[in-house]
Structures are given as C-alpha cells and as structure tokens.
Amino acid sequence: MHRRDPHILLFTGRPGVGKTTALRRVAEGLGSRRVRGFYTEELRHRGERRGFRAVTFDGRQATMAHVTVHGSARVGKYGVDVSVVDDLASSTLAVDARTEVYLLDEIGKMECLSPRFVTAVRTLLDAGRPVVATVALRGSGLIAEVKHRSDAECWEVTRSNRDDIPLRALAWLEARQATE
C-alpha cells in the first residue's frame, strides 16, 4: 500500500557529507516527541575508521561492523555482525502506535545484509507512520526501492545545504502532523 501524501523523508548524499549529523539534529529538534530508531557512529582508532556502532534513541549501543569481525557478511573491509542489525530491526523498527516519528540511519549496504532489517523497513514504511531516514547514495534492492516509493521524498544532502536540512525536515514533519 503506497499513499500519495509522502510520510517518508529520505536524506541521501556522498559519504561524510553530514547525513547522520542532520538526522541527529532532527532528533534533538523533536524534543519530547516519542521517537524510535537508531543512528550510527564511526569507531576510530588513531584517526583511522575501524568500524561502526549503532546507537538507539533509547540509549542502547552495539558494534554493528568492524575490521576485526570475521565471516561472510562483509562490506568492503568491514565484517558485519548481522545479529546486531537483526536486533535493531526487532527493537527499534517495530510499528508502535505510540511512536510519533521513526528515525533511521541508515538504509545502506551493511544493514541490508539482514533479511529481518529489510522486512522490518518495508513493514514500517507501509504502515504510514512518519519516517526520516538516511539512505545510501547508490545501491540496489531495498536502497533503490525506498527511493522510488510514491510516498517518499528524497533530499540530497550537500556541504552547502546540510546545515539547513534539519530545520527543513522539522518543518516537513510538523506539516504532516498538522494534517493527521
């Protein structure tokens, strides 16, 4: 089921441009509204990126990918702990009527290695709840699918607009709340 009125806002752009920072600023701007979801943080050692940690908006965190993780689930030099992504899908993306906004960082290659994550994202997006998510600039499967939904808007984050994106996104969310 796809609605015509967009309830999904996607931030895309080149790696390192500020998509995660924009999403975190949206979360800060939502104040006391009920938010679910997660964001990712880089794990660095001596200035070198070594992996990624997922942090939920209720304060839990776990290493999602790291150069020291072994196994077949890999993106570039990073081994992905699919069980962490599975847990994110179950704990933060489940549709809950009390949640006002879902924030997701990100719909990307690492996350899409989890079939549970892919299913949870599709279910959430079909539920019609407001969602703001970052999505990889390139990719197939779920990455391409969400960008082509009729109920989604996709904004490219650049160095020149990244500081304006959070306020624009908060206004976008406010306009949707007013019509509910």
N, C-alpha and C. Protein backbone atom coordinates (compact mmCIF):
# COMPACT_ATOMS: atom_id res chain seq x y z
N MET A 1 0.84 -1.19 0.00
CA MET A 1 0.00 0.00 0.00
C MET A 1 0.88 1.25 0.00
N HIS A 2 0.76 2.09 -0.98
CA HIS A 2 1.54 3.32 -1.05
C HIS A 2 0.56 4.50 -1.11
N ARG A 3 0.75 5.43 -0.15
CA ARG A 3 -0.09 6.62 -0.12
C ARG A 3 0.53 7.69 -0.99
N ARG A 4 -0.30 8.59 -1.46
CA ARG A 4 0.21 9.69 -2.30
C ARG A 4 0.91 10.75 -1.48
N ASP A 5 0.39 11.08 -0.29
CA ASP A 5 0.99 12.10 0.55
C ASP A 5 2.25 11.52 1.20
N PRO A 6 3.42 12.07 0.91
CA PRO A 6 4.64 11.50 1.46
C PRO A 6 4.68 11.52 2.99
N HIS A 7 5.01 10.39 3.57
CA HIS A 7 5.22 10.31 5.01
C HIS A 7 6.64 9.83 5.31
N ILE A 8 7.41 9.66 4.23
CA ILE A 8 8.79 9.20 4.34
C ILE A 8 9.70 10.28 3.78
N LEU A 9 10.69 10.70 4.58
CA LEU A 9 11.67 11.68 4.14
C LEU A 9 13.03 11.02 4.17
N LEU A 10 13.69 11.01 3.03
CA LEU A 10 14.99 10.36 2.89
C LEU A 10 16.08 11.39 2.69
N PHE A 11 17.18 11.22 3.41
CA PHE A 11 18.39 12.02 3.20
C PHE A 11 19.38 11.13 2.48
N THR A 12 19.89 11.57 1.35
CA THR A 12 20.93 10.83 0.64
C THR A 12 22.06 11.79 0.35
N GLY A 13 23.18 11.24 -0.04
CA GLY A 13 24.34 12.08 -0.36
C GLY A 13 25.61 11.28 -0.23
N ARG A 14 26.70 11.92 -0.58
CA ARG A 14 28.00 11.27 -0.55
C ARG A 14 28.39 10.91 0.89
N PRO A 15 29.18 9.87 1.07
CA PRO A 15 29.66 9.53 2.42
C PRO A 15 30.39 10.71 3.05
N GLY A 16 30.12 10.95 4.31
CA GLY A 16 30.80 12.01 5.05
C GLY A 16 30.24 13.40 4.87
N VAL A 17 29.16 13.55 4.12
CA VAL A 17 28.62 14.88 3.83
C VAL A 17 27.83 15.47 5.01
N GLY A 18 27.33 14.62 5.91
CA GLY A 18 26.59 15.13 7.06
C GLY A 18 25.19 14.58 7.22
N LYS A 19 24.87 13.47 6.59
CA LYS A 19 23.52 12.89 6.69
C LYS A 19 23.19 12.47 8.12
N THR A 20 24.12 11.78 8.77
CA THR A 20 23.89 11.33 10.14
C THR A 20 23.76 12.52 11.07
N THR A 21 24.61 13.50 10.92
CA THR A 21 24.54 14.71 11.75
C THR A 21 23.19 15.40 11.57
N ALA A 22 22.72 15.48 10.33
CA ALA A 22 21.41 16.08 10.08
C ALA A 22 20.30 15.30 10.78
N LEU A 23 20.36 13.98 10.70
CA LEU A 23 19.35 13.14 11.35
C LEU A 23 19.38 13.33 12.87
N ARG A 24 20.56 13.39 13.45
CA ARG A 24 20.68 13.59 14.90
C ARG A 24 20.14 14.97 15.31
N ARG A 25 20.34 15.96 14.46
CA ARG A 25 19.79 17.30 14.77
C ARG A 25 18.27 17.30 14.67
N VAL A 26 17.72 16.52 13.75
CA VAL A 26 16.27 16.36 13.69
C VAL A 26 15.78 15.76 15.00
N ALA A 27 16.46 14.73 15.48
CA ALA A 27 16.08 14.09 16.75
C ALA A 27 16.10 15.10 17.90
N GLU A 28 17.14 15.91 17.96
CA GLU A 28 17.24 16.94 19.01
C GLU A 28 16.08 17.93 18.90
N GLY A 29 15.74 18.30 17.68
CA GLY A 29 14.66 19.26 17.46
C GLY A 29 13.28 18.73 17.78
N LEU A 30 13.14 17.42 17.85
CA LEU A 30 11.83 16.83 18.16
C LEU A 30 11.52 16.88 19.65
N GLY A 31 12.51 17.21 20.47
CA GLY A 31 12.28 17.39 21.91
C GLY A 31 11.66 16.18 22.57
N SER A 32 10.46 16.38 23.12
CA SER A 32 9.82 15.32 23.90
C SER A 32 8.93 14.39 23.07
N ARG A 33 8.91 14.56 21.77
CA ARG A 33 8.10 13.66 20.94
C ARG A 33 8.64 12.24 21.03
N ARG A 34 7.76 11.28 20.91
CA ARG A 34 8.15 9.87 21.00
C ARG A 34 8.82 9.43 19.70
N VAL A 35 10.10 9.12 19.82
CA VAL A 35 10.94 8.78 18.67
C VAL A 35 11.49 7.36 18.88
N ARG A 36 11.55 6.61 17.79
CA ARG A 36 12.22 5.31 17.80
C ARG A 36 13.16 5.26 16.60
N GLY A 37 14.18 4.45 16.75
CA GLY A 37 15.12 4.27 15.66
C GLY A 37 16.54 4.24 16.17
N PHE A 38 17.47 4.51 15.26
CA PHE A 38 18.88 4.45 15.61
C PHE A 38 19.70 5.32 14.67
N TYR A 39 20.92 5.59 15.09
CA TYR A 39 21.90 6.25 14.24
C TYR A 39 23.22 5.50 14.38
N THR A 40 24.14 5.76 13.49
CA THR A 40 25.43 5.08 13.54
C THR A 40 26.54 6.08 13.86
N GLU A 41 27.54 5.56 14.52
CA GLU A 41 28.74 6.34 14.83
C GLU A 41 29.95 5.60 14.29
N GLU A 42 30.89 6.35 13.78
CA GLU A 42 32.14 5.73 13.34
C GLU A 42 32.96 5.35 14.57
N LEU A 43 33.62 4.22 14.48
CA LEU A 43 34.58 3.81 15.50
C LEU A 43 35.96 4.04 14.91
N ARG A 44 36.74 4.89 15.58
CA ARG A 44 38.06 5.26 15.05
C ARG A 44 39.15 4.88 16.05
N HIS A 45 40.29 4.54 15.50
CA HIS A 45 41.47 4.26 16.30
C HIS A 45 42.65 4.96 15.63
N ARG A 46 43.25 5.90 16.35
CA ARG A 46 44.38 6.68 15.81
C ARG A 46 44.03 7.34 14.48
N GLY A 47 42.82 7.88 14.41
CA GLY A 47 42.39 8.62 13.23
C GLY A 47 41.87 7.77 12.09
N GLU A 48 41.98 6.45 12.21
CA GLU A 48 41.52 5.57 11.14
C GLU A 48 40.16 4.97 11.50
N ARG A 49 39.23 5.01 10.54
CA ARG A 49 37.92 4.40 10.77
C ARG A 49 38.09 2.89 10.79
N ARG A 50 37.62 2.28 11.90
CA ARG A 50 37.77 0.84 12.09
C ARG A 50 36.43 0.11 12.06
N GLY A 51 35.33 0.86 12.23
CA GLY A 51 34.03 0.20 12.24
C GLY A 51 32.90 1.18 12.51
N PHE A 52 31.74 0.60 12.84
CA PHE A 52 30.54 1.40 13.08
C PHE A 52 29.77 0.84 14.27
N ARG A 53 29.29 1.75 15.09
CA ARG A 53 28.46 1.40 16.23
C ARG A 53 27.06 1.93 15.96
N ALA A 54 26.06 1.11 16.28
CA ALA A 54 24.66 1.54 16.20
C ALA A 54 24.24 2.01 17.59
N VAL A 55 23.57 3.16 17.64
CA VAL A 55 23.09 3.73 18.89
C VAL A 55 21.59 3.97 18.74
N THR A 56 20.80 3.40 19.64
CA THR A 56 19.35 3.60 19.57
C THR A 56 18.98 4.88 20.30
N PHE A 57 17.82 5.42 19.97
CA PHE A 57 17.40 6.66 20.61
C PHE A 57 16.95 6.45 22.05
N ASP A 58 16.88 5.18 22.50
CA ASP A 58 16.64 4.93 23.91
C ASP A 58 17.94 4.59 24.64
N GLY A 59 19.09 4.79 23.98
CA GLY A 59 20.37 4.72 24.66
C GLY A 59 21.17 3.43 24.55
N ARG A 60 20.67 2.43 23.89
CA ARG A 60 21.44 1.19 23.73
C ARG A 60 22.44 1.36 22.59
N GLN A 61 23.54 0.61 22.65
CA GLN A 61 24.52 0.67 21.58
C GLN A 61 25.22 -0.67 21.42
N ALA A 62 25.64 -0.93 20.19
CA ALA A 62 26.36 -2.17 19.89
C ALA A 62 27.19 -1.96 18.62
N THR A 63 28.31 -2.65 18.54
CA THR A 63 29.15 -2.58 17.35
C THR A 63 28.48 -3.38 16.24
N MET A 64 28.18 -2.71 15.16
CA MET A 64 27.47 -3.30 14.03
C MET A 64 28.46 -3.86 13.00
N ALA A 65 29.58 -3.19 12.81
CA ALA A 65 30.56 -3.63 11.83
C ALA A 65 31.94 -3.18 12.29
N HIS A 66 32.94 -4.02 11.98
CA HIS A 66 34.30 -3.70 12.39
C HIS A 66 35.28 -4.47 11.53
N VAL A 67 36.49 -3.95 11.42
CA VAL A 67 37.51 -4.64 10.63
C VAL A 67 37.91 -5.95 11.27
N THR A 68 37.67 -6.12 12.57
CA THR A 68 38.06 -7.36 13.25
C THR A 68 36.95 -8.42 13.25
N VAL A 69 35.77 -8.09 12.72
CA VAL A 69 34.68 -9.06 12.64
C VAL A 69 34.93 -9.94 11.41
N HIS A 70 34.92 -11.26 11.64
CA HIS A 70 35.16 -12.20 10.55
C HIS A 70 33.85 -12.84 10.13
N GLY A 71 33.82 -13.37 8.95
CA GLY A 71 32.64 -14.05 8.45
C GLY A 71 32.31 -13.59 7.05
N SER A 72 31.24 -14.15 6.52
CA SER A 72 30.88 -13.88 5.12
C SER A 72 30.12 -12.58 4.93
N ALA A 73 29.53 -12.04 5.99
CA ALA A 73 28.79 -10.78 5.88
C ALA A 73 29.79 -9.63 5.90
N ARG A 74 30.11 -9.11 4.73
CA ARG A 74 31.13 -8.07 4.63
C ARG A 74 30.70 -6.97 3.68
N VAL A 75 31.12 -5.75 4.00
CA VAL A 75 31.01 -4.61 3.10
C VAL A 75 32.38 -3.95 3.13
N GLY A 76 33.07 -4.04 2.02
CA GLY A 76 34.44 -3.52 1.97
C GLY A 76 35.30 -4.25 2.98
N LYS A 77 36.05 -3.50 3.77
CA LYS A 77 36.95 -4.11 4.75
C LYS A 77 36.26 -4.48 6.06
N TYR A 78 34.96 -4.18 6.17
CA TYR A 78 34.24 -4.38 7.42
C TYR A 78 33.46 -5.68 7.44
N GLY A 79 33.63 -6.43 8.53
CA GLY A 79 32.76 -7.56 8.78
C GLY A 79 31.53 -7.04 9.50
N VAL A 80 30.36 -7.49 9.09
CA VAL A 80 29.10 -7.00 9.66
C VAL A 80 28.54 -8.05 10.61
N ASP A 81 28.21 -7.63 11.82
CA ASP A 81 27.55 -8.50 12.80
C ASP A 81 26.05 -8.42 12.52
N VAL A 82 25.56 -9.34 11.71
CA VAL A 82 24.17 -9.31 11.28
C VAL A 82 23.22 -9.45 12.47
N SER A 83 23.65 -10.10 13.55
CA SER A 83 22.78 -10.24 14.73
C SER A 83 22.48 -8.88 15.36
N VAL A 84 23.42 -7.95 15.28
CA VAL A 84 23.18 -6.59 15.79
C VAL A 84 22.14 -5.90 14.92
N VAL A 85 22.26 -6.05 13.62
CA VAL A 85 21.29 -5.44 12.70
C VAL A 85 19.91 -6.08 12.90
N ASP A 86 19.88 -7.40 13.10
CA ASP A 86 18.62 -8.09 13.39
C ASP A 86 17.96 -7.51 14.64
N ASP A 87 18.76 -7.28 15.68
CA ASP A 87 18.22 -6.72 16.92
C ASP A 87 17.68 -5.32 16.71
N LEU A 88 18.38 -4.50 15.92
CA LEU A 88 17.88 -3.15 15.61
C LEU A 88 16.52 -3.24 14.93
N ALA A 89 16.40 -4.17 14.00
CA ALA A 89 15.15 -4.32 13.27
C ALA A 89 14.01 -4.68 14.23
N SER A 90 14.28 -5.61 15.13
CA SER A 90 13.24 -6.07 16.05
C SER A 90 12.90 -5.03 17.11
N SER A 91 13.91 -4.36 17.62
CA SER A 91 13.68 -3.50 18.79
C SER A 91 13.34 -2.05 18.45
N THR A 92 13.79 -1.55 17.30
CA THR A 92 13.58 -0.13 17.04
C THR A 92 12.68 0.17 15.84
N LEU A 93 12.44 -0.83 15.00
CA LEU A 93 11.67 -0.57 13.79
C LEU A 93 10.26 -1.17 13.83
N ALA A 94 9.94 -1.88 14.89
CA ALA A 94 8.60 -2.45 15.00
C ALA A 94 7.57 -1.32 15.07
N VAL A 95 6.49 -1.47 14.33
CA VAL A 95 5.45 -0.45 14.28
C VAL A 95 4.77 -0.38 15.65
N ASP A 96 4.72 0.83 16.18
CA ASP A 96 4.16 1.08 17.51
C ASP A 96 3.31 2.35 17.41
N ALA A 97 2.04 2.25 17.73
CA ALA A 97 1.12 3.39 17.60
C ALA A 97 1.53 4.57 18.47
N ARG A 98 2.27 4.33 19.54
CA ARG A 98 2.69 5.43 20.44
C ARG A 98 3.88 6.22 19.88
N THR A 99 4.58 5.66 18.91
CA THR A 99 5.74 6.33 18.34
C THR A 99 5.27 7.38 17.35
N GLU A 100 5.77 8.60 17.51
CA GLU A 100 5.37 9.70 16.64
C GLU A 100 6.22 9.80 15.38
N VAL A 101 7.51 9.50 15.50
CA VAL A 101 8.43 9.60 14.38
C VAL A 101 9.49 8.50 14.50
N TYR A 102 9.78 7.88 13.38
CA TYR A 102 10.87 6.91 13.30
C TYR A 102 12.04 7.57 12.61
N LEU A 103 13.23 7.41 13.20
CA LEU A 103 14.46 7.96 12.62
C LEU A 103 15.41 6.80 12.38
N LEU A 104 15.93 6.72 11.17
CA LEU A 104 16.72 5.56 10.75
C LEU A 104 18.00 5.99 10.06
N ASP A 105 19.13 5.56 10.58
CA ASP A 105 20.43 5.86 9.97
C ASP A 105 21.23 4.56 9.87
N GLU A 106 21.23 3.83 8.90
CA GLU A 106 20.79 4.22 7.59
C GLU A 106 20.22 3.01 6.88
N ILE A 107 19.63 3.26 5.74
CA ILE A 107 19.25 2.16 4.86
C ILE A 107 20.42 2.04 3.89
N GLY A 108 21.34 1.14 4.24
CA GLY A 108 22.58 1.02 3.49
C GLY A 108 22.95 -0.43 3.27
N LYS A 109 24.09 -0.63 2.66
CA LYS A 109 24.53 -1.98 2.28
C LYS A 109 24.73 -2.88 3.50
N MET A 110 25.31 -2.35 4.58
CA MET A 110 25.53 -3.17 5.77
C MET A 110 24.20 -3.64 6.37
N GLU A 111 23.29 -2.71 6.53
CA GLU A 111 22.00 -3.02 7.15
C GLU A 111 21.21 -4.00 6.29
N CYS A 112 21.31 -3.85 4.98
CA CYS A 112 20.53 -4.70 4.07
C CYS A 112 21.05 -6.13 3.99
N LEU A 113 22.17 -6.44 4.66
CA LEU A 113 22.62 -7.83 4.77
C LEU A 113 21.71 -8.63 5.69
N SER A 114 20.87 -7.95 6.46
CA SER A 114 19.92 -8.61 7.36
C SER A 114 18.54 -8.69 6.71
N PRO A 115 18.08 -9.90 6.38
CA PRO A 115 16.72 -10.03 5.85
C PRO A 115 15.67 -9.49 6.82
N ARG A 116 15.92 -9.62 8.13
CA ARG A 116 14.98 -9.07 9.12
C ARG A 116 14.88 -7.56 9.01
N PHE A 117 16.01 -6.91 8.80
CA PHE A 117 16.03 -5.45 8.65
C PHE A 117 15.23 -5.05 7.42
N VAL A 118 15.47 -5.71 6.30
CA VAL A 118 14.77 -5.39 5.06
C VAL A 118 13.26 -5.53 5.24
N THR A 119 12.84 -6.63 5.86
CA THR A 119 11.41 -6.85 6.10
C THR A 119 10.84 -5.80 7.05
N ALA A 120 11.58 -5.49 8.12
CA ALA A 120 11.10 -4.51 9.10
C ALA A 120 10.97 -3.13 8.47
N VAL A 121 11.91 -2.74 7.63
CA VAL A 121 11.83 -1.43 6.96
C VAL A 121 10.62 -1.38 6.04
N ARG A 122 10.43 -2.41 5.25
CA ARG A 122 9.26 -2.44 4.35
C ARG A 122 7.96 -2.34 5.14
N THR A 123 7.86 -3.11 6.22
CA THR A 123 6.65 -3.08 7.05
C THR A 123 6.43 -1.70 7.64
N LEU A 124 7.49 -1.10 8.15
CA LEU A 124 7.39 0.23 8.74
C LEU A 124 6.96 1.27 7.70
N LEU A 125 7.59 1.26 6.55
CA LEU A 125 7.25 2.24 5.52
C LEU A 125 5.82 2.07 5.02
N ASP A 126 5.34 0.84 4.96
CA ASP A 126 3.97 0.59 4.54
C ASP A 126 2.93 0.97 5.60
N ALA A 127 3.37 1.14 6.85
CA ALA A 127 2.45 1.43 7.96
C ALA A 127 1.95 2.88 7.93
N GLY A 128 2.60 3.75 7.17
CA GLY A 128 2.13 5.12 7.06
C GLY A 128 2.58 6.04 8.17
N ARG A 129 3.46 5.59 9.06
CA ARG A 129 3.98 6.42 10.14
C ARG A 129 5.06 7.35 9.59
N PRO A 130 5.25 8.54 10.17
CA PRO A 130 6.32 9.43 9.71
C PRO A 130 7.70 8.79 9.94
N VAL A 131 8.49 8.80 8.89
CA VAL A 131 9.84 8.23 8.93
C VAL A 131 10.80 9.21 8.30
N VAL A 132 11.92 9.46 8.97
CA VAL A 132 13.03 10.20 8.39
C VAL A 132 14.21 9.23 8.42
N ALA A 133 14.81 9.01 7.26
CA ALA A 133 15.89 8.03 7.17
C ALA A 133 16.99 8.53 6.26
N THR A 134 18.21 8.10 6.56
CA THR A 134 19.29 8.30 5.62
C THR A 134 19.36 7.05 4.75
N VAL A 135 19.74 7.25 3.50
CA VAL A 135 19.81 6.13 2.56
C VAL A 135 21.06 6.32 1.70
N ALA A 136 21.70 5.20 1.42
CA ALA A 136 22.91 5.24 0.61
C ALA A 136 22.65 5.93 -0.73
N LEU A 137 23.63 6.63 -1.20
CA LEU A 137 23.51 7.34 -2.48
C LEU A 137 23.30 6.36 -3.63
N ARG A 138 24.02 5.24 -3.58
CA ARG A 138 23.90 4.22 -4.63
C ARG A 138 23.58 2.89 -3.99
N GLY A 139 22.90 2.06 -4.76
CA GLY A 139 22.62 0.72 -4.30
C GLY A 139 21.36 0.18 -4.95
N SER A 140 21.24 -1.12 -4.91
CA SER A 140 20.08 -1.78 -5.49
C SER A 140 19.22 -2.34 -4.37
N GLY A 141 18.27 -3.18 -4.72
CA GLY A 141 17.42 -3.81 -3.71
C GLY A 141 16.63 -2.77 -2.94
N LEU A 142 16.63 -2.91 -1.62
CA LEU A 142 15.86 -2.01 -0.75
C LEU A 142 16.28 -0.56 -0.90
N ILE A 143 17.57 -0.32 -1.11
CA ILE A 143 18.08 1.05 -1.25
C ILE A 143 17.37 1.75 -2.42
N ALA A 144 17.35 1.11 -3.57
CA ALA A 144 16.68 1.69 -4.74
C ALA A 144 15.17 1.72 -4.54
N GLU A 145 14.64 0.67 -3.94
CA GLU A 145 13.19 0.56 -3.74
C GLU A 145 12.62 1.73 -2.93
N VAL A 146 13.27 2.07 -1.82
CA VAL A 146 12.72 3.13 -0.97
C VAL A 146 12.77 4.49 -1.66
N LYS A 147 13.78 4.70 -2.48
CA LYS A 147 13.91 5.98 -3.19
C LYS A 147 12.83 6.16 -4.24
N HIS A 148 12.26 5.07 -4.72
CA HIS A 148 11.26 5.15 -5.79
C HIS A 148 9.83 5.01 -5.29
N ARG A 149 9.64 5.00 -3.99
CA ARG A 149 8.28 4.91 -3.45
C ARG A 149 7.53 6.22 -3.72
N SER A 150 6.26 6.10 -4.01
CA SER A 150 5.44 7.29 -4.28
C SER A 150 5.14 8.06 -3.00
N ASP A 151 5.32 7.43 -1.84
CA ASP A 151 5.04 8.09 -0.56
C ASP A 151 6.31 8.57 0.13
N ALA A 152 7.38 8.77 -0.66
CA ALA A 152 8.66 9.23 -0.12
C ALA A 152 9.17 10.45 -0.88
N GLU A 153 9.83 11.33 -0.13
CA GLU A 153 10.59 12.43 -0.71
C GLU A 153 12.05 12.16 -0.42
N CYS A 154 12.91 12.45 -1.38
CA CYS A 154 14.34 12.21 -1.22
C CYS A 154 15.09 13.53 -1.40
N TRP A 155 15.81 13.93 -0.36
CA TRP A 155 16.59 15.17 -0.40
C TRP A 155 18.07 14.81 -0.42
N GLU A 156 18.80 15.40 -1.34
CA GLU A 156 20.25 15.19 -1.34
C GLU A 156 20.90 16.18 -0.38
N VAL A 157 21.71 15.65 0.53
CA VAL A 157 22.45 16.46 1.49
C VAL A 157 23.80 16.78 0.87
N THR A 158 24.14 18.06 0.89
CA THR A 158 25.43 18.52 0.36
C THR A 158 26.11 19.39 1.41
N ARG A 159 27.34 19.70 1.19
CA ARG A 159 28.04 20.59 2.14
C ARG A 159 27.37 21.96 2.20
N SER A 160 26.78 22.41 1.10
CA SER A 160 26.18 23.74 1.08
C SER A 160 24.79 23.78 1.72
N ASN A 161 24.06 22.66 1.79
CA ASN A 161 22.71 22.70 2.38
C ASN A 161 22.57 21.94 3.69
N ARG A 162 23.61 21.24 4.12
CA ARG A 162 23.48 20.34 5.27
C ARG A 162 23.07 21.03 6.57
N ASP A 163 23.42 22.29 6.74
CA ASP A 163 23.04 22.99 7.96
C ASP A 163 21.57 23.38 7.96
N ASP A 164 20.97 23.52 6.78
CA ASP A 164 19.55 23.87 6.66
C ASP A 164 18.62 22.66 6.70
N ILE A 165 19.14 21.50 6.40
CA ILE A 165 18.32 20.29 6.29
C ILE A 165 17.54 19.98 7.57
N PRO A 166 18.14 20.01 8.76
CA PRO A 166 17.36 19.66 9.95
C PRO A 166 16.13 20.55 10.17
N LEU A 167 16.26 21.85 10.00
CA LEU A 167 15.11 22.75 10.18
C LEU A 167 14.05 22.51 9.12
N ARG A 168 14.48 22.28 7.89
CA ARG A 168 13.53 21.95 6.82
C ARG A 168 12.80 20.65 7.13
N ALA A 169 13.54 19.66 7.63
CA ALA A 169 12.93 18.36 7.96
C ALA A 169 11.94 18.50 9.12
N LEU A 170 12.27 19.30 10.11
CA LEU A 170 11.33 19.52 11.24
C LEU A 170 10.06 20.20 10.75
N ALA A 171 10.18 21.16 9.84
CA ALA A 171 9.00 21.81 9.26
C ALA A 171 8.20 20.79 8.45
N TRP A 172 8.87 19.93 7.71
CA TRP A 172 8.23 18.88 6.93
C TRP A 172 7.42 17.96 7.85
N LEU A 173 8.02 17.56 8.96
CA LEU A 173 7.32 16.70 9.93
C LEU A 173 6.13 17.42 10.56
N GLU A 174 6.32 18.68 10.90
CA GLU A 174 5.25 19.48 11.51
C GLU A 174 4.05 19.58 10.56
N ALA A 175 4.30 19.79 9.29
CA ALA A 175 3.23 19.87 8.31
C ALA A 175 2.46 18.56 8.22
N ARG A 176 3.14 17.45 8.36
CA ARG A 176 2.45 16.14 8.33
C ARG A 176 1.65 15.90 9.60
N GLN A 177 2.14 16.37 10.72
CA GLN A 177 1.40 16.21 11.98
C GLN A 177 0.13 17.04 11.95
N ALA A 178 0.19 18.20 11.34
CA ALA A 178 -0.97 19.08 11.28
C ALA A 178 -2.09 18.48 10.44
N THR A 179 -1.74 17.62 9.48
CA THR A 179 -2.79 17.04 8.61
C THR A 179 -3.31 15.69 9.12
N GLU A 180 -2.71 15.17 10.21
CA GLU A 180 -3.18 13.87 10.74
C GLU A 180 -4.50 14.00 11.46
